[in-house]
Amino acid sequence: MARPRKEHELDIARRAVDETIRLLAERGDLDVPLTAVAQAIGCTAPALYGHFHDKSALLCAVRNEGFNRLYREKLAVFEQRRGDPFGYLRDGSYAYVRFALENPTLYRLMFTPPPKLGISHDPWSGEAGRQVLDLLLTGLRCSQSKGFLPGMDLSRYSFMFWSTVHGAVSLMLQNRDMDQSAKWDTAREAINTLMEMIAATRR
């Protein structure tokens, strides 16, 4: 049997975030004890406290990582759709929905964090969140350069675009009687309708 790694050999901060995200998914709520996180890492609670002084600090780091993961997924779609910004807006929105449906508790932490965390409820207030919004703005700007949304103020339209997709996702997540497949189909239909509206603006 392999010997347990010593605490100084563990990347406690990184693993704490990863394990907390896993535990959030398993438990389905934000009430993850730090002792459970320490046990999952294989370190002592005091060692974990050396990196995160309380659970709020850990959840803030987890929230940022959630935005980083969402950004990486959307960026991969952006690279695949390079030269086709309209296609990116559609497929990037699909990726957003998949992320939310696969990570509902993490998604809730990202966009409706508990007041006790003492952080802004504006998802775009931090750097991790802004990079997700910047991808959307880039997709809209590139689409506008190809004739879509002529004359539109994209700073305002980007909020409307995100609100539509986020609103559809939020409604799906709140509907506990709907299975995953039905949630996906409903959210995708909302995106397709939005894209039809954008397509109709092309000169």
C-alpha atoms as a PDB file:
ATOM      1  CA  MET A   1       0.000   0.000   0.000  1.00  0.00           C
ATOM      2  CA  ALA A   2       1.284   3.439  -0.925  1.00  0.00           C
ATOM      3  CA  ARG A   3       2.299   5.574   2.021  1.00  0.00           C
ATOM      4  CA  PRO A   4       0.250   8.763   2.577  1.00  0.00           C
ATOM      5  CA  ARG A   5       1.986  11.834   1.193  1.00  0.00           C
ATOM      6  CA  LYS A   6       3.261  14.323   3.722  1.00  0.00           C
ATOM      7  CA  GLU A   7       1.336  17.573   3.999  1.00  0.00           C
ATOM      8  CA  HIS A   8       4.197  19.651   2.649  1.00  0.00           C
ATOM      9  CA  GLU A   9       4.101  17.526  -0.511  1.00  0.00           C
ATOM     10  CA  LEU A  10       0.412  18.242  -1.121  1.00  0.00           C
ATOM     11  CA  ASP A  11      -0.836  21.206  -3.149  1.00  0.00           C
ATOM     12  CA  ILE A  12      -3.403  21.865  -0.461  1.00  0.00           C
ATOM     13  CA  ALA A  13      -4.861  25.099  -1.827  1.00  0.00           C
ATOM     14  CA  ARG A  14      -5.487  23.727  -5.320  1.00  0.00           C
ATOM     15  CA  ARG A  15      -6.756  20.375  -4.111  1.00  0.00           C
ATOM     16  CA  ALA A  16      -9.037  22.042  -1.571  1.00  0.00           C
ATOM     17  CA  VAL A  17     -10.793  23.887  -4.378  1.00  0.00           C
ATOM     18  CA  ASP A  18     -11.055  20.764  -6.558  1.00  0.00           C
ATOM     19  CA  GLU A  19     -12.322  18.579  -3.716  1.00  0.00           C
ATOM     20  CA  THR A  20     -14.829  21.192  -2.594  1.00  0.00           C
ATOM     21  CA  ILE A  21     -16.272  21.352  -6.104  1.00  0.00           C
ATOM     22  CA  ARG A  22     -16.582  17.569  -6.080  1.00  0.00           C
ATOM     23  CA  LEU A  23     -18.234  17.602  -2.657  1.00  0.00           C
ATOM     24  CA  LEU A  24     -20.641  20.341  -3.724  1.00  0.00           C
ATOM     25  CA  ALA A  25     -21.799  18.098  -6.549  1.00  0.00           C
ATOM     26  CA  GLU A  26     -22.127  15.069  -4.268  1.00  0.00           C
ATOM     27  CA  ARG A  27     -23.981  16.864  -1.472  1.00  0.00           C
ATOM     28  CA  GLY A  28     -26.115  19.164  -3.610  1.00  0.00           C
ATOM     29  CA  ASP A  29     -25.723  22.096  -1.235  1.00  0.00           C
ATOM     30  CA  LEU A  30     -23.113  24.589  -0.059  1.00  0.00           C
ATOM     31  CA  ASP A  31     -22.836  23.208   3.463  1.00  0.00           C
ATOM     32  CA  VAL A  32     -19.527  21.391   3.020  1.00  0.00           C
ATOM     33  CA  PRO A  33     -17.552  21.115   6.300  1.00  0.00           C
ATOM     34  CA  LEU A  34     -13.877  22.019   6.129  1.00  0.00           C
ATOM     35  CA  THR A  35     -13.134  18.790   7.966  1.00  0.00           C
ATOM     36  CA  ALA A  36     -14.640  16.856   5.045  1.00  0.00           C
ATOM     37  CA  VAL A  37     -12.477  18.811   2.609  1.00  0.00           C
ATOM     38  CA  ALA A  38      -9.342  18.162   4.673  1.00  0.00           C
ATOM     39  CA  GLN A  39     -10.152  14.458   4.832  1.00  0.00           C
ATOM     40  CA  ALA A  40     -10.655  14.314   1.059  1.00  0.00           C
ATOM     41  CA  ILE A  41      -7.285  15.980   0.515  1.00  0.00           C
ATOM     42  CA  GLY A  42      -5.492  13.826   3.053  1.00  0.00           C
ATOM     43  CA  CYS A  43      -4.313  16.673   5.264  1.00  0.00           C
ATOM     44  CA  THR A  44      -5.167  17.903   8.742  1.00  0.00           C
ATOM     45  CA  ALA A  45      -7.728  20.631   9.377  1.00  0.00           C
ATOM     46  CA  PRO A  46      -5.047  23.025  10.723  1.00  0.00           C
ATOM     47  CA  ALA A  47      -3.068  22.595   7.487  1.00  0.00           C
ATOM     48  CA  LEU A  48      -6.173  23.523   5.503  1.00  0.00           C
ATOM     49  CA  TYR A  49      -6.822  26.538   7.750  1.00  0.00           C
ATOM     50  CA  GLY A  50      -3.324  27.706   6.875  1.00  0.00           C
ATOM     51  CA  HIS A  51      -4.587  28.335   3.331  1.00  0.00           C
ATOM     52  CA  PHE A  52      -8.231  29.239   3.994  1.00  0.00           C
ATOM     53  CA  HIS A  53      -9.000  30.842   7.345  1.00  0.00           C
ATOM     54  CA  ASP A  54     -12.671  29.836   7.133  1.00  0.00           C
ATOM     55  CA  LYS A  55     -15.225  28.209   4.841  1.00  0.00           C
ATOM     56  CA  SER A  56     -16.206  31.541   3.287  1.00  0.00           C
ATOM     57  CA  ALA A  57     -12.655  32.073   2.061  1.00  0.00           C
ATOM     58  CA  LEU A  58     -12.647  28.600   0.519  1.00  0.00           C
ATOM     59  CA  LEU A  59     -16.022  29.107  -1.159  1.00  0.00           C
ATOM     60  CA  CYS A  60     -14.817  32.405  -2.638  1.00  0.00           C
ATOM     61  CA  ALA A  61     -11.881  30.559  -4.203  1.00  0.00           C
ATOM     62  CA  VAL A  62     -14.252  27.836  -5.430  1.00  0.00           C
ATOM     63  CA  ARG A  63     -16.517  30.481  -6.990  1.00  0.00           C
ATOM     64  CA  ASN A  64     -13.582  31.959  -8.906  1.00  0.00           C
ATOM     65  CA  GLU A  65     -12.560  28.512 -10.118  1.00  0.00           C
ATOM     66  CA  GLY A  66     -16.117  27.944 -11.307  1.00  0.00           C
ATOM     67  CA  PHE A  67     -15.849  31.004 -13.546  1.00  0.00           C
ATOM     68  CA  ASN A  68     -12.419  29.868 -14.715  1.00  0.00           C
ATOM     69  CA  ARG A  69     -13.800  26.476 -15.727  1.00  0.00           C
ATOM     70  CA  LEU A  70     -16.760  28.041 -17.507  1.00  0.00           C
ATOM     71  CA  TYR A  71     -14.384  30.379 -19.328  1.00  0.00           C
ATOM     72  CA  ARG A  72     -12.163  27.500 -20.459  1.00  0.00           C
ATOM     73  CA  GLU A  73     -15.141  25.593 -21.833  1.00  0.00           C
ATOM     74  CA  LYS A  74     -16.449  28.611 -23.716  1.00  0.00           C
ATOM     75  CA  LEU A  75     -12.961  29.510 -24.943  1.00  0.00           C
ATOM     76  CA  ALA A  76     -12.587  26.022 -26.435  1.00  0.00           C
ATOM     77  CA  VAL A  77     -15.808  26.594 -28.371  1.00  0.00           C
ATOM     78  CA  PHE A  78     -14.592  30.037 -29.439  1.00  0.00           C
ATOM     79  CA  GLU A  79     -11.383  28.539 -30.854  1.00  0.00           C
ATOM     80  CA  GLN A  80     -13.344  25.839 -32.682  1.00  0.00           C
ATOM     81  CA  ARG A  81     -15.665  28.453 -34.172  1.00  0.00           C
ATOM     82  CA  ARG A  82     -12.975  30.988 -35.063  1.00  0.00           C
ATOM     83  CA  GLY A  83     -14.187  32.898 -38.112  1.00  0.00           C
ATOM     84  CA  ASP A  84     -17.826  32.054 -37.361  1.00  0.00           C
ATOM     85  CA  PRO A  85     -18.875  34.374 -34.514  1.00  0.00           C
ATOM     86  CA  PHE A  86     -22.582  33.710 -35.030  1.00  0.00           C
ATOM     87  CA  GLY A  87     -21.927  29.999 -34.610  1.00  0.00           C
ATOM     88  CA  TYR A  88     -19.888  30.746 -31.498  1.00  0.00           C
ATOM     89  CA  LEU A  89     -22.711  32.732 -29.911  1.00  0.00           C
ATOM     90  CA  ARG A  90     -24.983  29.720 -30.377  1.00  0.00           C
ATOM     91  CA  ASP A  91     -22.546  26.944 -29.438  1.00  0.00           C
ATOM     92  CA  GLY A  92     -20.982  29.000 -26.648  1.00  0.00           C
ATOM     93  CA  SER A  93     -24.453  29.403 -25.163  1.00  0.00           C
ATOM     94  CA  TYR A  94     -25.001  25.648 -25.438  1.00  0.00           C
ATOM     95  CA  ALA A  95     -21.735  25.169 -23.519  1.00  0.00           C
ATOM     96  CA  TYR A  96     -22.972  27.595 -20.866  1.00  0.00           C
ATOM     97  CA  VAL A  97     -26.172  25.564 -20.435  1.00  0.00           C
ATOM     98  CA  ARG A  98     -24.290  22.259 -20.256  1.00  0.00           C
ATOM     99  CA  PHE A  99     -21.971  23.660 -17.593  1.00  0.00           C
ATOM    100  CA  ALA A 100     -24.908  24.846 -15.494  1.00  0.00           C
ATOM    101  CA  LEU A 101     -26.850  21.593 -15.783  1.00  0.00           C
ATOM    102  CA  GLU A 102     -23.780  19.500 -14.980  1.00  0.00           C
ATOM    103  CA  ASN A 103     -22.719  21.728 -12.046  1.00  0.00           C
ATOM    104  CA  PRO A 104     -25.950  23.111 -10.540  1.00  0.00           C
ATOM    105  CA  THR A 105     -24.628  23.727  -7.024  1.00  0.00           C
ATOM    106  CA  LEU A 106     -21.418  25.337  -8.256  1.00  0.00           C
ATOM    107  CA  TYR A 107     -23.459  27.438 -10.692  1.00  0.00           C
ATOM    108  CA  ARG A 108     -25.662  28.632  -7.828  1.00  0.00           C
ATOM    109  CA  LEU A 109     -22.565  29.612  -5.846  1.00  0.00           C
ATOM    110  CA  MET A 110     -21.219  31.520  -8.859  1.00  0.00           C
ATOM    111  CA  PHE A 111     -24.327  33.558  -9.589  1.00  0.00           C
ATOM    112  CA  THR A 112     -26.245  33.695  -6.279  1.00  0.00           C
ATOM    113  CA  PRO A 113     -23.595  33.441  -3.551  1.00  0.00           C
ATOM    114  CA  PRO A 114     -24.831  33.434   0.067  1.00  0.00           C
ATOM    115  CA  PRO A 115     -24.748  36.889   1.710  1.00  0.00           C
ATOM    116  CA  LYS A 116     -22.411  35.591   4.408  1.00  0.00           C
ATOM    117  CA  LEU A 117     -19.616  35.341   1.846  1.00  0.00           C
ATOM    118  CA  GLY A 118     -19.531  39.118   1.742  1.00  0.00           C
ATOM    119  CA  ILE A 119     -18.884  39.278  -2.008  1.00  0.00           C
ATOM    120  CA  SER A 120     -20.691  41.097  -4.782  1.00  0.00           C
ATOM    121  CA  HIS A 121     -23.655  39.355  -6.374  1.00  0.00           C
ATOM    122  CA  ASP A 122     -22.558  40.899  -9.672  1.00  0.00           C
ATOM    123  CA  PRO A 123     -21.010  37.909 -11.481  1.00  0.00           C
ATOM    124  CA  TRP A 124     -18.896  40.227 -13.600  1.00  0.00           C
ATOM    125  CA  SER A 125     -17.364  42.164 -10.700  1.00  0.00           C
ATOM    126  CA  GLY A 126     -14.311  39.913 -10.436  1.00  0.00           C
ATOM    127  CA  GLU A 127     -11.655  39.144 -13.017  1.00  0.00           C
ATOM    128  CA  ALA A 128     -12.725  35.503 -13.356  1.00  0.00           C
ATOM    129  CA  GLY A 129     -16.290  36.510 -14.199  1.00  0.00           C
ATOM    130  CA  ARG A 130     -15.306  39.371 -16.500  1.00  0.00           C
ATOM    131  CA  GLN A 131     -13.320  37.088 -18.768  1.00  0.00           C
ATOM    132  CA  VAL A 132     -16.511  35.105 -19.453  1.00  0.00           C
ATOM    133  CA  LEU A 133     -18.385  38.314 -20.289  1.00  0.00           C
ATOM    134  CA  ASP A 134     -15.502  39.498 -22.487  1.00  0.00           C
ATOM    135  CA  LEU A 135     -15.852  36.363 -24.620  1.00  0.00           C
ATOM    136  CA  LEU A 136     -19.524  37.151 -25.151  1.00  0.00           C
ATOM    137  CA  LEU A 137     -18.709  40.747 -26.078  1.00  0.00           C
ATOM    138  CA  THR A 138     -16.064  39.555 -28.539  1.00  0.00           C
ATOM    139  CA  GLY A 139     -18.560  37.200 -30.159  1.00  0.00           C
ATOM    140  CA  LEU A 140     -21.104  40.008 -30.466  1.00  0.00           C
ATOM    141  CA  ARG A 141     -18.574  42.490 -31.864  1.00  0.00           C
ATOM    142  CA  CYS A 142     -17.339  39.997 -34.459  1.00  0.00           C
ATOM    143  CA  SER A 143     -20.938  39.140 -35.382  1.00  0.00           C
ATOM    144  CA  GLN A 144     -21.708  42.834 -35.784  1.00  0.00           C
ATOM    145  CA  SER A 145     -18.744  43.186 -38.138  1.00  0.00           C
ATOM    146  CA  LYS A 146     -20.408  40.518 -40.314  1.00  0.00           C
ATOM    147  CA  GLY A 147     -23.678  42.453 -40.525  1.00  0.00           C
ATOM    148  CA  PHE A 148     -25.602  41.225 -37.490  1.00  0.00           C
ATOM    149  CA  LEU A 149     -27.083  43.670 -34.942  1.00  0.00           C
ATOM    150  CA  PRO A 150     -26.327  46.794 -37.038  1.00  0.00           C
ATOM    151  CA  GLY A 151     -26.018  49.940 -34.956  1.00  0.00           C
ATOM    152  CA  MET A 152     -26.718  48.061 -31.719  1.00  0.00           C
ATOM    153  CA  ASP A 153     -25.075  49.168 -28.468  1.00  0.00           C
ATOM    154  CA  LEU A 154     -23.338  45.900 -27.666  1.00  0.00           C
ATOM    155  CA  SER A 155     -22.591  46.788 -24.051  1.00  0.00           C
ATOM    156  CA  ARG A 156     -26.355  46.869 -23.483  1.00  0.00           C
ATOM    157  CA  TYR A 157     -27.153  43.969 -25.788  1.00  0.00           C
ATOM    158  CA  SER A 158     -24.618  41.691 -24.116  1.00  0.00           C
ATOM    159  CA  PHE A 159     -26.515  42.032 -20.840  1.00  0.00           C
ATOM    160  CA  MET A 160     -29.790  41.205 -22.577  1.00  0.00           C
ATOM    161  CA  PHE A 161     -28.190  38.208 -24.299  1.00  0.00           C
ATOM    162  CA  TRP A 162     -26.739  36.830 -21.076  1.00  0.00           C
ATOM    163  CA  SER A 163     -29.952  37.544 -19.145  1.00  0.00           C
ATOM    164  CA  THR A 164     -31.934  35.472 -21.641  1.00  0.00           C
ATOM    165  CA  VAL A 165     -29.631  32.453 -21.445  1.00  0.00           C
ATOM    166  CA  HIS A 166     -29.080  32.749 -17.687  1.00  0.00           C
ATOM    167  CA  GLY A 167     -32.804  33.205 -17.086  1.00  0.00           C
ATOM    168  CA  ALA A 168     -33.641  30.065 -19.048  1.00  0.00           C
ATOM    169  CA  VAL A 169     -31.006  28.098 -17.143  1.00  0.00           C
ATOM    170  CA  SER A 170     -32.178  29.391 -13.763  1.00  0.00           C
ATOM    171  CA  LEU A 171     -35.784  28.422 -14.482  1.00  0.00           C
ATOM    172  CA  MET A 172     -34.692  24.945 -15.566  1.00  0.00           C
ATOM    173  CA  LEU A 173     -32.598  24.420 -12.438  1.00  0.00           C
ATOM    174  CA  GLN A 174     -35.500  25.441 -10.211  1.00  0.00           C
ATOM    175  CA  ASN A 175     -37.846  22.951 -11.869  1.00  0.00           C
ATOM    176  CA  ARG A 176     -37.177  19.782  -9.898  1.00  0.00           C
ATOM    177  CA  ASP A 177     -39.896  17.850 -11.733  1.00  0.00           C
ATOM    178  CA  MET A 178     -38.132  18.160 -15.099  1.00  0.00           C
ATOM    179  CA  ASP A 179     -35.439  15.642 -16.033  1.00  0.00           C
ATOM    180  CA  GLN A 180     -32.049  16.647 -17.423  1.00  0.00           C
ATOM    181  CA  SER A 181     -32.973  15.884 -21.015  1.00  0.00           C
ATOM    182  CA  ALA A 182     -36.092  18.048 -20.863  1.00  0.00           C
ATOM    183  CA  LYS A 183     -34.161  20.864 -19.181  1.00  0.00           C
ATOM    184  CA  TRP A 184     -31.542  20.765 -21.900  1.00  0.00           C
ATOM    185  CA  ASP A 185     -34.129  20.755 -24.692  1.00  0.00           C
ATOM    186  CA  THR A 186     -36.026  23.684 -23.176  1.00  0.00           C
ATOM    187  CA  ALA A 187     -32.925  25.818 -22.598  1.00  0.00           C
ATOM    188  CA  ARG A 188     -31.617  25.019 -26.083  1.00  0.00           C
ATOM    189  CA  GLU A 189     -34.926  26.098 -27.600  1.00  0.00           C
ATOM    190  CA  ALA A 190     -34.634  29.448 -25.810  1.00  0.00           C
ATOM    191  CA  ILE A 191     -31.134  29.880 -27.272  1.00  0.00           C
ATOM    192  CA  ASN A 192     -32.291  28.920 -30.758  1.00  0.00           C
ATOM    193  CA  THR A 193     -35.105  31.475 -30.557  1.00  0.00           C
ATOM    194  CA  LEU A 194     -32.635  34.158 -29.471  1.00  0.00           C
ATOM    195  CA  MET A 195     -30.317  33.284 -32.352  1.00  0.00           C
ATOM    196  CA  GLU A 196     -33.218  33.481 -34.820  1.00  0.00           C
ATOM    197  CA  MET A 197     -33.891  37.017 -33.606  1.00  0.00           C
ATOM    198  CA  ILE A 198     -30.226  37.969 -34.087  1.00  0.00           C
ATOM    199  CA  ALA A 199     -30.144  36.349 -37.542  1.00  0.00           C
ATOM    200  CA  ALA A 200     -33.125  38.466 -38.599  1.00  0.00           C
ATOM    201  CA  THR A 201     -31.140  41.664 -37.988  1.00  0.00           C
ATOM    202  CA  ARG A 202     -28.468  40.890 -40.568  1.00  0.00           C
ATOM    203  CA  ARG A 203     -28.211  43.338 -43.415  1.00  0.00           C
END
